[in-house]
Amino acid sequence: MTAVVHVSERLVGVERAQFALCDAEAPFEGRPWQLPALDGRELAVNGSGLMVASTVAMHDADVRFEVWDGPPPEQPAGPPVGECVLDVPSGAVTAWAVAHGPAGGPVELGGPGAYAVRLYRHGGGPEARARQRAADPPLFTGLERYVIQLWARVRG
């Protein structure tokens, strides 16, 4: 049975319906053009950079990082919106608002290597966009929540 070894929560700025996750020691430092293009996908990986699609253009998303000691069970709330493998040479990742930089400190994963990533999104969609527009002033928090599960990929 696998278990969670570390949990970290933070607000991450979503810009142009996307945010990034990257190796903590190889940040994009204001160079968002190095991030992979989504091209209609939920996730896009380029080496140690991962772009995540959002359903709301501009807001602060609640993001929960879960580091596991092996593949976690799927959440009962529904299937993940995406899974991939991310190369993490430093052993830590950082969430990035594409144009504005890091959102909080690094999330330690337990060493360098290839990590499986599973992404869940809760909320968002047309209802969240309508709530954002209808509010006065517009809402920029509480519209989407992400759970990002990471674990060392077993080679074999």
C-alpha atoms as a PDB file:
ATOM      1  CA  MET A   1       0.000   0.000   0.000  1.00  0.00           C
ATOM      2  CA  THR A   2       1.387   3.418  -0.938  1.00  0.00           C
ATOM      3  CA  ALA A   3       1.298   6.492   1.268  1.00  0.00           C
ATOM      4  CA  VAL A   4       1.633  10.262   1.009  1.00  0.00           C
ATOM      5  CA  VAL A   5       5.053  11.419   2.227  1.00  0.00           C
ATOM      6  CA  HIS A   6       4.633  15.181   1.754  1.00  0.00           C
ATOM      7  CA  VAL A   7       1.787  17.638   1.082  1.00  0.00           C
ATOM      8  CA  SER A   8       2.166  21.279   0.068  1.00  0.00           C
ATOM      9  CA  GLU A   9      -0.613  23.733  -0.791  1.00  0.00           C
ATOM     10  CA  ARG A  10      -0.416  27.156  -2.439  1.00  0.00           C
ATOM     11  CA  LEU A  11      -2.111  29.624  -4.726  1.00  0.00           C
ATOM     12  CA  VAL A  12      -0.741  29.589  -8.260  1.00  0.00           C
ATOM     13  CA  GLY A  13      -1.423  32.361 -10.741  1.00  0.00           C
ATOM     14  CA  VAL A  14      -3.186  31.145 -13.863  1.00  0.00           C
ATOM     15  CA  GLU A  15      -2.452  33.362 -16.861  1.00  0.00           C
ATOM     16  CA  ARG A  16      -3.993  32.855 -20.302  1.00  0.00           C
ATOM     17  CA  ALA A  17      -5.635  29.652 -18.994  1.00  0.00           C
ATOM     18  CA  GLN A  18      -2.337  27.983 -18.051  1.00  0.00           C
ATOM     19  CA  PHE A  19       0.349  27.594 -15.416  1.00  0.00           C
ATOM     20  CA  ALA A  20       3.607  25.658 -15.283  1.00  0.00           C
ATOM     21  CA  LEU A  21       5.519  23.231 -13.122  1.00  0.00           C
ATOM     22  CA  CYS A  22       9.273  22.984 -13.564  1.00  0.00           C
ATOM     23  CA  ASP A  23      12.457  21.663 -12.027  1.00  0.00           C
ATOM     24  CA  ALA A  24      13.292  23.971  -9.109  1.00  0.00           C
ATOM     25  CA  GLU A  25      16.899  24.543 -10.201  1.00  0.00           C
ATOM     26  CA  ALA A  26      16.127  25.098 -13.890  1.00  0.00           C
ATOM     27  CA  PRO A  27      13.384  27.723 -13.732  1.00  0.00           C
ATOM     28  CA  PHE A  28      12.227  29.562 -16.794  1.00  0.00           C
ATOM     29  CA  GLU A  29      13.211  32.959 -15.301  1.00  0.00           C
ATOM     30  CA  GLY A  30      10.877  35.082 -17.381  1.00  0.00           C
ATOM     31  CA  ARG A  31      11.337  32.980 -20.494  1.00  0.00           C
ATOM     32  CA  PRO A  32       7.834  31.522 -20.923  1.00  0.00           C
ATOM     33  CA  TRP A  33       8.530  30.820 -24.584  1.00  0.00           C
ATOM     34  CA  GLN A  34      10.617  27.842 -23.405  1.00  0.00           C
ATOM     35  CA  LEU A  35       7.501  26.216 -21.970  1.00  0.00           C
ATOM     36  CA  PRO A  36       5.759  23.597 -24.098  1.00  0.00           C
ATOM     37  CA  ALA A  37       2.655  24.662 -26.029  1.00  0.00           C
ATOM     38  CA  LEU A  38      -0.586  23.012 -24.912  1.00  0.00           C
ATOM     39  CA  ASP A  39      -2.130  22.779 -28.404  1.00  0.00           C
ATOM     40  CA  GLY A  40      -5.516  21.741 -26.953  1.00  0.00           C
ATOM     41  CA  ARG A  41      -4.056  19.232 -24.472  1.00  0.00           C
ATOM     42  CA  GLU A  42      -4.519  19.262 -20.676  1.00  0.00           C
ATOM     43  CA  LEU A  43      -0.767  18.753 -20.078  1.00  0.00           C
ATOM     44  CA  ALA A  44       2.342  19.298 -22.182  1.00  0.00           C
ATOM     45  CA  VAL A  45       5.873  18.265 -21.158  1.00  0.00           C
ATOM     46  CA  ASN A  46       9.198  19.513 -22.486  1.00  0.00           C
ATOM     47  CA  GLY A  47      12.123  18.039 -20.549  1.00  0.00           C
ATOM     48  CA  SER A  48      11.815  19.385 -17.012  1.00  0.00           C
ATOM     49  CA  GLY A  49       8.922  21.759 -17.805  1.00  0.00           C
ATOM     50  CA  LEU A  50       5.232  20.932 -17.612  1.00  0.00           C
ATOM     51  CA  MET A  51       2.430  23.216 -18.801  1.00  0.00           C
ATOM     52  CA  VAL A  52      -1.040  22.725 -17.296  1.00  0.00           C
ATOM     53  CA  ALA A  53      -4.273  23.862 -18.996  1.00  0.00           C
ATOM     54  CA  SER A  54      -6.926  25.702 -16.980  1.00  0.00           C
ATOM     55  CA  THR A  55     -10.591  26.238 -17.826  1.00  0.00           C
ATOM     56  CA  VAL A  56     -10.530  29.842 -16.523  1.00  0.00           C
ATOM     57  CA  ALA A  57      -8.335  32.450 -18.235  1.00  0.00           C
ATOM     58  CA  MET A  58      -7.051  34.605 -15.339  1.00  0.00           C
ATOM     59  CA  HIS A  59      -7.277  33.677 -11.660  1.00  0.00           C
ATOM     60  CA  ASP A  60      -5.412  32.203  -8.700  1.00  0.00           C
ATOM     61  CA  ALA A  61      -5.891  28.436  -8.513  1.00  0.00           C
ATOM     62  CA  ASP A  62      -5.646  26.424  -5.306  1.00  0.00           C
ATOM     63  CA  VAL A  63      -2.996  23.749  -5.908  1.00  0.00           C
ATOM     64  CA  ARG A  64      -2.278  20.801  -3.619  1.00  0.00           C
ATOM     65  CA  PHE A  65       0.952  18.900  -4.266  1.00  0.00           C
ATOM     66  CA  GLU A  66       1.045  15.341  -2.972  1.00  0.00           C
ATOM     67  CA  VAL A  67       4.353  13.459  -3.040  1.00  0.00           C
ATOM     68  CA  TRP A  68       3.782   9.698  -2.754  1.00  0.00           C
ATOM     69  CA  ASP A  69       6.107   6.760  -2.111  1.00  0.00           C
ATOM     70  CA  GLY A  70       4.541   4.885  -5.040  1.00  0.00           C
ATOM     71  CA  PRO A  71       1.563   5.073  -7.395  1.00  0.00           C
ATOM     72  CA  PRO A  72      -1.382   6.511  -5.432  1.00  0.00           C
ATOM     73  CA  PRO A  73      -4.917   5.197  -5.753  1.00  0.00           C
ATOM     74  CA  GLU A  74      -7.154   7.257  -8.021  1.00  0.00           C
ATOM     75  CA  GLN A  75      -9.345   9.826  -6.278  1.00  0.00           C
ATOM     76  CA  PRO A  76     -13.006   8.909  -5.848  1.00  0.00           C
ATOM     77  CA  ALA A  77     -14.118  12.316  -7.233  1.00  0.00           C
ATOM     78  CA  GLY A  78     -13.395  11.230 -10.795  1.00  0.00           C
ATOM     79  CA  PRO A  79     -10.655  10.345 -13.242  1.00  0.00           C
ATOM     80  CA  PRO A  80      -7.523  12.458 -13.611  1.00  0.00           C
ATOM     81  CA  VAL A  81      -7.430  15.043 -16.380  1.00  0.00           C
ATOM     82  CA  GLY A  82      -3.891  14.068 -17.289  1.00  0.00           C
ATOM     83  CA  GLU A  83      -0.854  11.929 -16.506  1.00  0.00           C
ATOM     84  CA  CYS A  84       2.733  12.250 -17.684  1.00  0.00           C
ATOM     85  CA  VAL A  85       6.369  11.724 -16.711  1.00  0.00           C
ATOM     86  CA  LEU A  86       8.510  14.728 -15.758  1.00  0.00           C
ATOM     87  CA  ASP A  87      12.303  14.710 -15.532  1.00  0.00           C
ATOM     88  CA  VAL A  88      13.381  16.446 -12.294  1.00  0.00           C
ATOM     89  CA  PRO A  89      17.218  16.695 -12.158  1.00  0.00           C
ATOM     90  CA  SER A  90      17.228  18.674  -8.889  1.00  0.00           C
ATOM     91  CA  GLY A  91      14.721  16.471  -7.045  1.00  0.00           C
ATOM     92  CA  ALA A  92      12.353  19.412  -6.451  1.00  0.00           C
ATOM     93  CA  VAL A  93       9.694  21.200  -8.509  1.00  0.00           C
ATOM     94  CA  THR A  94       8.330  24.746  -8.469  1.00  0.00           C
ATOM     95  CA  ALA A  95       4.945  25.982  -9.679  1.00  0.00           C
ATOM     96  CA  TRP A  96       5.091  28.979 -12.024  1.00  0.00           C
ATOM     97  CA  ALA A  97       2.676  31.645 -13.113  1.00  0.00           C
ATOM     98  CA  VAL A  98       3.932  31.843 -16.691  1.00  0.00           C
ATOM     99  CA  ALA A  99       4.682  35.572 -16.883  1.00  0.00           C
ATOM    100  CA  HIS A 100       5.045  36.326 -13.171  1.00  0.00           C
ATOM    101  CA  GLY A 101       7.368  33.577 -11.970  1.00  0.00           C
ATOM    102  CA  PRO A 102       7.406  31.134  -9.063  1.00  0.00           C
ATOM    103  CA  ALA A 103       4.431  30.606  -6.769  1.00  0.00           C
ATOM    104  CA  GLY A 104       5.916  29.687  -3.412  1.00  0.00           C
ATOM    105  CA  GLY A 105       9.020  27.685  -2.712  1.00  0.00           C
ATOM    106  CA  PRO A 106      10.066  24.354  -4.156  1.00  0.00           C
ATOM    107  CA  VAL A 107       8.301  21.077  -3.440  1.00  0.00           C
ATOM    108  CA  GLU A 108      10.907  18.466  -2.466  1.00  0.00           C
ATOM    109  CA  LEU A 109      10.366  15.104  -4.143  1.00  0.00           C
ATOM    110  CA  GLY A 110      13.043  12.935  -2.566  1.00  0.00           C
ATOM    111  CA  GLY A 111      15.870  13.076  -5.092  1.00  0.00           C
ATOM    112  CA  PRO A 112      16.596  13.568  -8.777  1.00  0.00           C
ATOM    113  CA  GLY A 113      14.939  11.382 -11.371  1.00  0.00           C
ATOM    114  CA  ALA A 114      11.894  10.800 -13.515  1.00  0.00           C
ATOM    115  CA  TYR A 115       8.595  11.364 -11.712  1.00  0.00           C
ATOM    116  CA  ALA A 116       5.126  10.263 -12.661  1.00  0.00           C
ATOM    117  CA  VAL A 117       2.629  13.121 -12.452  1.00  0.00           C
ATOM    118  CA  ARG A 118      -1.132  12.726 -12.138  1.00  0.00           C
ATOM    119  CA  LEU A 119      -3.317  15.826 -12.328  1.00  0.00           C
ATOM    120  CA  TYR A 120      -6.864  16.304 -11.025  1.00  0.00           C
ATOM    121  CA  ARG A 121      -8.937  19.450 -11.515  1.00  0.00           C
ATOM    122  CA  HIS A 122     -12.004  20.306  -9.445  1.00  0.00           C
ATOM    123  CA  GLY A 123     -14.333  23.171 -10.336  1.00  0.00           C
ATOM    124  CA  GLY A 124     -13.658  25.452 -13.249  1.00  0.00           C
ATOM    125  CA  GLY A 125     -15.502  25.251 -16.533  1.00  0.00           C
ATOM    126  CA  PRO A 126     -18.391  27.380 -17.781  1.00  0.00           C
ATOM    127  CA  GLU A 127     -19.961  27.695 -14.318  1.00  0.00           C
ATOM    128  CA  ALA A 128     -16.771  29.135 -12.815  1.00  0.00           C
ATOM    129  CA  ARG A 129     -16.321  31.552 -15.714  1.00  0.00           C
ATOM    130  CA  ALA A 130     -19.933  32.739 -15.316  1.00  0.00           C
ATOM    131  CA  ARG A 131     -19.453  33.211 -11.537  1.00  0.00           C
ATOM    132  CA  GLN A 132     -16.266  35.181 -12.206  1.00  0.00           C
ATOM    133  CA  ARG A 133     -17.991  37.531 -14.660  1.00  0.00           C
ATOM    134  CA  ALA A 134     -21.156  37.964 -12.561  1.00  0.00           C
ATOM    135  CA  ALA A 135     -19.306  38.994  -9.380  1.00  0.00           C
ATOM    136  CA  ASP A 136     -18.649  42.681  -8.713  1.00  0.00           C
ATOM    137  CA  PRO A 137     -15.683  42.964  -8.478  1.00  0.00           C
ATOM    138  CA  PRO A 138     -14.859  39.836 -10.535  1.00  0.00           C
ATOM    139  CA  LEU A 139     -13.748  36.730  -8.633  1.00  0.00           C
ATOM    140  CA  PHE A 140     -10.133  35.666  -8.967  1.00  0.00           C
ATOM    141  CA  THR A 141      -9.957  32.942  -6.284  1.00  0.00           C
ATOM    142  CA  GLY A 142     -11.951  29.828  -5.459  1.00  0.00           C
ATOM    143  CA  LEU A 143     -12.716  28.975  -9.096  1.00  0.00           C
ATOM    144  CA  GLU A 144     -10.502  25.904  -9.616  1.00  0.00           C
ATOM    145  CA  ARG A 145      -8.626  23.484  -7.375  1.00  0.00           C
ATOM    146  CA  TYR A 146      -5.883  21.174  -8.605  1.00  0.00           C
ATOM    147  CA  VAL A 147      -4.381  18.106  -6.987  1.00  0.00           C
ATOM    148  CA  ILE A 148      -1.000  17.199  -8.442  1.00  0.00           C
ATOM    149  CA  GLN A 149       0.287  13.789  -7.354  1.00  0.00           C
ATOM    150  CA  LEU A 150       3.952  12.963  -7.944  1.00  0.00           C
ATOM    151  CA  TRP A 151       5.921   9.783  -7.315  1.00  0.00           C
ATOM    152  CA  ALA A 152       9.246   8.344  -8.447  1.00  0.00           C
ATOM    153  CA  ARG A 153       8.804   6.439 -11.652  1.00  0.00           C
ATOM    154  CA  VAL A 154       9.884   2.827 -11.323  1.00  0.00           C
ATOM    155  CA  ARG A 155      12.298   1.896 -14.048  1.00  0.00           C
ATOM    156  CA  GLY A 156      11.912  -1.487 -15.562  1.00  0.00           C
END
